[in-house]
Amino acid sequence: MPELLAEVPLRIIPVRPRQFRRGSLHLIERHARAYRYAWVVFVSGLSEPLFYLLAIGVGVGQLVGTVLGPGGQQIDFTSFVAPGLLAAASMNGAVMDSTFSVFFRLKYSKLYESVLGTPMRVGDIAVGEVGWSVLRAGIYALAFLIVILAMGLVHSAWAVAALPAALLIGFAFAAVGMAATTFMTSWQHFEFITLTTLPMFLFSTTFYPLSVYPKAAQVIVECTPLYQGVTLLRGLCLGAVGPGLAWHAAYLAAMGLAGLAVAIRRISVLLLK
């Protein structure tokens, strides 16, 4: 028998890109159907940045007045805060699904083992999960963008690129979030997610200009991914567009691609061992 098997030529069946994309779309469709019964989760995610905008942007803004915006222009505090909250909404929407939900499906519901019983592959799982997280981030961003448009907080036609930029932010955080989740072994490890995202939300110039920080702190803030997203969206919404925005977009794209590569590798190790 071993001799007969040795004479049988091995065939390597390549996975075509079209098949790869189709499998990812099936997983996204599955999550969309599941979330029809958890619509309250989406409503809570949509309302959080709005509450921050009303409480801090509008409320505290009455006391602050104007601040120094990108390009050295003086703008009202509410217009300054709105793009920062838009970036934070994209981050939170992406991180929520790519961390907590992925961990539950990986460790408890064993969804991915069932998925691998179909023609779908490990790459489909990673791309599908990241794609769904980006979609959720896009929904949050679109809803919040409509709100700030209605409030007159967008001051440039460049804001048409704000939604694609928000999707890019979602992609960066979703990919890295999923990659980080594959290294976690218990729910207690999610404290590190909060320990990372909360300081970024508070200090990545979401509410204050970079100039208020000491020089050493400025360097640290400028290295954070949310700062890249906040600066990118603030420039688009306020019309301060220049070559520097391309650097912020490239940072986020590289972060997302690196995170996706690690996520695919780690999912392969965990599911195919």
Protein backbone atom coordinates (compact mmCIF):
# COMPACT_ATOMS: atom_id res chain seq x y z
CA MET A 1 0.00 0.00 0.00
CA PRO A 2 2.72 2.58 0.78
CA GLU A 3 4.33 1.75 -2.57
CA LEU A 4 1.05 2.37 -4.39
CA LEU A 5 0.49 5.65 -2.58
CA ALA A 6 4.00 6.76 -3.43
CA GLU A 7 3.22 6.33 -7.12
CA VAL A 8 0.11 8.52 -6.95
CA PRO A 9 1.03 12.07 -8.01
CA LEU A 10 0.09 14.79 -5.56
CA ARG A 11 -2.11 17.59 -6.86
CA ILE A 12 -1.92 21.00 -5.29
CA ILE A 13 -5.20 22.81 -5.83
CA PRO A 14 -4.60 26.57 -5.78
CA VAL A 15 -7.03 28.89 -4.04
CA ARG A 16 -8.11 31.51 -6.54
CA PRO A 17 -8.50 35.11 -5.35
CA ARG A 18 -12.16 35.00 -6.38
CA GLN A 19 -12.79 32.00 -4.14
CA PHE A 20 -10.91 33.78 -1.35
CA ARG A 21 -13.14 36.83 -1.60
CA ARG A 22 -16.34 34.81 -1.85
CA GLY A 23 -15.59 32.87 1.33
CA SER A 24 -14.96 36.10 3.23
CA LEU A 25 -18.26 37.53 1.99
CA HIS A 26 -20.11 34.46 3.25
CA LEU A 27 -18.71 35.02 6.74
CA ILE A 28 -19.67 38.71 6.62
CA GLU A 29 -23.19 37.70 5.56
CA ARG A 30 -23.38 35.25 8.46
CA HIS A 31 -22.50 37.98 10.97
CA ALA A 32 -24.98 40.42 9.41
CA ARG A 33 -27.76 37.87 9.80
CA ALA A 34 -26.77 37.16 13.40
CA TYR A 35 -26.71 40.84 14.32
CA ARG A 36 -30.29 41.31 13.17
CA TYR A 37 -31.23 40.09 16.65
CA ALA A 38 -28.63 42.24 18.42
CA TRP A 39 -29.45 45.65 16.94
CA VAL A 40 -29.24 47.23 20.42
CA VAL A 41 -25.47 46.70 20.28
CA PHE A 42 -25.30 48.89 17.19
CA VAL A 43 -27.50 51.59 18.72
CA SER A 44 -25.26 51.82 21.78
CA GLY A 45 -22.20 52.18 19.59
CA LEU A 46 -23.84 54.93 17.55
CA SER A 47 -24.96 56.93 20.56
CA GLU A 48 -21.67 57.00 22.50
CA PRO A 49 -19.76 59.46 20.25
CA LEU A 50 -22.89 61.62 20.00
CA PHE A 51 -23.06 61.92 23.80
CA TYR A 52 -19.39 62.90 23.92
CA LEU A 53 -19.96 65.49 21.22
CA LEU A 54 -22.90 67.05 23.06
CA ALA A 55 -21.28 66.89 26.51
CA ILE A 56 -17.73 67.93 25.68
CA GLY A 57 -17.86 69.44 22.21
CA VAL A 58 -20.96 71.55 22.75
CA GLY A 59 -21.07 71.82 26.55
CA VAL A 60 -17.41 72.43 27.34
CA GLY A 61 -17.06 74.21 24.01
CA GLN A 62 -19.15 77.08 25.37
CA LEU A 63 -16.42 77.69 27.93
CA VAL A 64 -13.41 77.09 25.67
CA GLY A 65 -14.40 79.16 22.66
CA THR A 66 -11.86 78.75 19.85
CA VAL A 67 -8.73 76.61 19.60
CA LEU A 68 -5.79 76.42 17.23
CA GLY A 69 -6.67 73.96 14.46
CA PRO A 70 -4.62 72.41 11.64
CA GLY A 71 -2.82 74.94 9.49
CA GLY A 72 -2.79 77.49 12.32
CA GLN A 73 -6.42 78.47 11.86
CA GLN A 74 -8.65 79.41 14.77
CA ILE A 75 -11.76 77.22 14.87
CA ASP A 76 -14.53 76.71 17.40
CA PHE A 77 -13.96 73.90 19.87
CA THR A 78 -16.95 71.84 18.71
CA SER A 79 -15.65 71.74 15.12
CA PHE A 80 -12.25 70.71 16.46
CA VAL A 81 -13.62 67.84 18.55
CA ALA A 82 -16.06 66.41 15.98
CA PRO A 83 -13.46 64.83 13.61
CA GLY A 84 -11.60 63.38 16.59
CA LEU A 85 -14.76 61.67 17.80
CA LEU A 86 -15.39 60.44 14.26
CA ALA A 87 -11.99 58.73 14.30
CA ALA A 88 -12.63 57.31 17.78
CA ALA A 89 -16.01 55.94 16.66
CA SER A 90 -14.30 54.12 13.80
CA MET A 91 -11.69 52.70 16.15
CA ASN A 92 -14.23 51.53 18.73
CA GLY A 93 -16.51 49.97 16.15
CA ALA A 94 -13.67 47.98 14.65
CA VAL A 95 -12.04 46.93 17.91
CA MET A 96 -15.26 45.71 19.50
CA ASP A 97 -15.91 43.01 16.91
CA SER A 98 -12.33 42.08 16.10
CA THR A 99 -11.46 41.38 19.74
CA PHE A 100 -14.31 40.33 22.04
CA SER A 101 -16.41 38.69 19.33
CA VAL A 102 -13.47 36.93 17.67
CA PHE A 103 -12.29 35.57 21.01
CA PHE A 104 -15.73 34.14 21.77
CA ARG A 105 -16.01 32.52 18.35
CA LEU A 106 -12.49 31.15 18.57
CA LYS A 107 -12.48 29.82 22.15
CA TYR A 108 -16.10 29.09 23.03
CA SER A 109 -18.57 28.78 20.14
CA LYS A 110 -15.92 27.03 17.98
CA LEU A 111 -17.42 28.71 14.93
CA TYR A 112 -14.18 28.64 12.97
CA GLU A 113 -13.82 24.87 13.24
CA SER A 114 -17.24 24.59 11.62
CA VAL A 115 -16.24 27.09 8.95
CA LEU A 116 -13.20 25.01 8.04
CA GLY A 117 -15.56 22.09 7.41
CA THR A 118 -16.75 24.00 4.33
CA PRO A 119 -14.72 25.04 1.27
CA MET A 120 -13.70 28.19 3.18
CA ARG A 121 -10.09 28.53 4.30
CA VAL A 122 -8.19 30.19 7.11
CA GLY A 123 -7.57 33.28 5.01
CA ASP A 124 -11.32 33.63 4.47
CA ILE A 125 -11.84 33.66 8.23
CA ALA A 126 -9.31 36.42 8.87
CA VAL A 127 -10.38 38.58 5.93
CA GLY A 128 -14.06 38.00 6.69
CA GLU A 129 -13.72 38.98 10.35
CA VAL A 130 -11.68 42.06 9.54
CA GLY A 131 -14.11 42.94 6.76
CA TRP A 132 -17.08 42.69 9.09
CA SER A 133 -15.32 44.83 11.71
CA VAL A 134 -14.56 47.46 9.06
CA LEU A 135 -18.20 47.38 7.98
CA ARG A 136 -19.32 48.00 11.55
CA ALA A 137 -16.81 50.84 11.90
CA GLY A 138 -18.13 52.29 8.63
CA ILE A 139 -21.71 52.23 9.90
CA TYR A 140 -20.68 54.09 13.05
CA ALA A 141 -18.66 56.59 11.04
CA LEU A 142 -21.41 57.22 8.47
CA ALA A 143 -24.04 57.83 11.15
CA PHE A 144 -21.78 60.21 13.07
CA LEU A 145 -20.72 61.98 9.88
CA ILE A 146 -24.37 62.66 9.05
CA VAL A 147 -24.85 64.14 12.53
CA ILE A 148 -21.91 66.52 12.32
CA LEU A 149 -22.94 67.53 8.81
CA ALA A 150 -26.40 68.41 10.12
CA MET A 151 -24.81 70.40 12.96
CA GLY A 152 -22.68 72.41 10.53
CA LEU A 153 -19.38 71.08 11.89
CA VAL A 154 -17.91 70.18 8.49
CA HIS A 155 -16.17 73.08 6.77
CA SER A 156 -14.72 71.66 3.57
CA ALA A 157 -15.74 69.71 0.49
CA TRP A 158 -12.79 67.41 1.25
CA ALA A 159 -15.09 65.82 3.82
CA VAL A 160 -16.37 63.52 1.04
CA ALA A 161 -13.18 61.55 1.68
CA ALA A 162 -13.88 61.32 5.41
CA LEU A 163 -15.86 58.08 5.12
CA PRO A 164 -13.12 56.22 3.16
CA ALA A 165 -10.60 57.56 5.68
CA ALA A 166 -12.78 56.26 8.54
CA LEU A 167 -12.89 52.85 6.85
CA LEU A 168 -9.09 52.91 6.67
CA ILE A 169 -8.94 53.62 10.41
CA GLY A 170 -11.33 50.73 10.99
CA PHE A 171 -9.20 48.43 8.86
CA ALA A 172 -6.02 49.29 10.78
CA PHE A 173 -7.54 48.71 14.20
CA ALA A 174 -9.60 45.67 13.18
CA ALA A 175 -6.60 43.83 11.74
CA VAL A 176 -4.33 44.57 14.68
CA GLY A 177 -7.15 43.85 17.12
CA MET A 178 -7.76 40.42 15.63
CA ALA A 179 -4.05 39.66 15.56
CA ALA A 180 -3.75 40.59 19.24
CA THR A 181 -6.80 38.49 20.14
CA THR A 182 -5.20 35.34 18.76
CA PHE A 183 -2.55 35.59 21.50
CA MET A 184 -5.10 35.84 24.33
CA THR A 185 -6.09 32.88 26.45
CA SER A 186 -8.62 34.38 28.90
CA TRP A 187 -11.09 37.22 29.22
CA GLN A 188 -8.80 38.96 31.71
CA HIS A 189 -6.39 39.71 28.88
CA PHE A 190 -8.91 42.14 27.43
CA GLU A 191 -7.87 44.58 30.10
CA PHE A 192 -4.87 45.24 27.85
CA ILE A 193 -7.24 46.23 25.04
CA THR A 194 -8.90 48.83 27.27
CA LEU A 195 -5.51 49.89 28.61
CA THR A 196 -4.47 50.63 25.02
CA THR A 197 -7.59 52.16 23.46
CA LEU A 198 -8.72 54.35 26.36
CA PRO A 199 -5.51 56.42 26.67
CA MET A 200 -5.44 56.81 22.89
CA PHE A 201 -9.03 58.04 22.97
CA LEU A 202 -8.25 60.59 25.67
CA PHE A 203 -4.83 61.85 24.57
CA SER A 204 -4.53 61.43 20.77
CA THR A 205 -5.60 65.08 20.26
CA THR A 206 -9.23 63.98 20.27
CA PHE A 207 -10.12 66.84 22.62
CA TYR A 208 -6.98 68.97 22.83
CA PRO A 209 -4.45 70.32 20.32
CA LEU A 210 -1.06 68.64 20.26
CA SER A 211 0.59 71.90 21.34
CA VAL A 212 -0.80 71.63 24.89
CA TYR A 213 1.43 68.63 25.64
CA PRO A 214 5.12 68.82 26.62
CA LYS A 215 7.58 68.08 23.82
CA ALA A 216 8.33 64.56 25.05
CA ALA A 217 4.63 63.74 25.27
CA GLN A 218 4.06 65.15 21.79
CA VAL A 219 6.50 62.64 20.31
CA ILE A 220 4.68 59.76 22.02
CA VAL A 221 1.26 61.00 20.88
CA GLU A 222 2.44 61.40 17.30
CA CYS A 223 3.44 57.74 17.23
CA THR A 224 -0.01 56.44 18.19
CA PRO A 225 -2.31 55.10 15.46
CA LEU A 226 -5.40 56.99 16.61
CA TYR A 227 -3.49 60.26 16.30
CA GLN A 228 -2.91 59.42 12.63
CA GLY A 229 -6.64 58.87 12.16
CA VAL A 230 -7.67 61.99 14.07
CA THR A 231 -5.24 64.17 12.14
CA LEU A 232 -6.34 62.67 8.83
CA LEU A 233 -10.06 63.22 9.46
CA ARG A 234 -9.55 66.64 11.01
CA GLY A 235 -7.63 67.79 7.96
CA LEU A 236 -10.35 66.52 5.61
CA CYS A 237 -13.26 67.95 7.60
CA LEU A 238 -11.63 71.36 8.09
CA GLY A 239 -10.02 71.66 4.66
CA ALA A 240 -6.41 71.56 5.89
CA VAL A 241 -5.32 69.16 3.16
CA GLY A 242 -1.68 68.66 2.27
CA PRO A 243 0.96 66.00 1.50
CA GLY A 244 1.25 65.22 5.19
CA LEU A 245 -2.16 63.54 5.17
CA ALA A 246 -0.81 60.91 2.78
CA TRP A 247 1.72 59.90 5.43
CA HIS A 248 -1.06 59.37 7.99
CA ALA A 249 -3.01 57.26 5.50
CA ALA A 250 0.08 55.20 4.66
CA TYR A 251 0.74 54.59 8.37
CA LEU A 252 -2.78 53.22 8.84
CA ALA A 253 -2.64 51.11 5.68
CA ALA A 254 0.69 49.56 6.68
CA MET A 255 -0.62 48.89 10.17
CA GLY A 256 -3.70 47.15 8.78
CA LEU A 257 -1.78 44.99 6.31
CA ALA A 258 0.74 43.94 8.95
CA GLY A 259 -2.02 43.10 11.40
CA LEU A 260 -3.92 41.08 8.79
CA ALA A 261 -0.80 39.08 7.91
CA VAL A 262 -0.21 38.24 11.57
CA ALA A 263 -3.89 37.37 12.08
CA ILE A 264 -3.88 34.93 9.15
CA ARG A 265 -0.69 33.30 10.39
CA ARG A 266 -1.93 32.98 13.97
CA ILE A 267 -5.36 31.65 12.97
CA SER A 268 -3.59 29.04 10.86
CA VAL A 269 -1.47 27.99 13.84
CA LEU A 270 -4.45 27.78 16.19
CA LEU A 271 -6.90 26.00 13.90
CA LEU A 272 -4.64 23.76 11.85
CA LYS A 273 -2.31 22.51 14.60
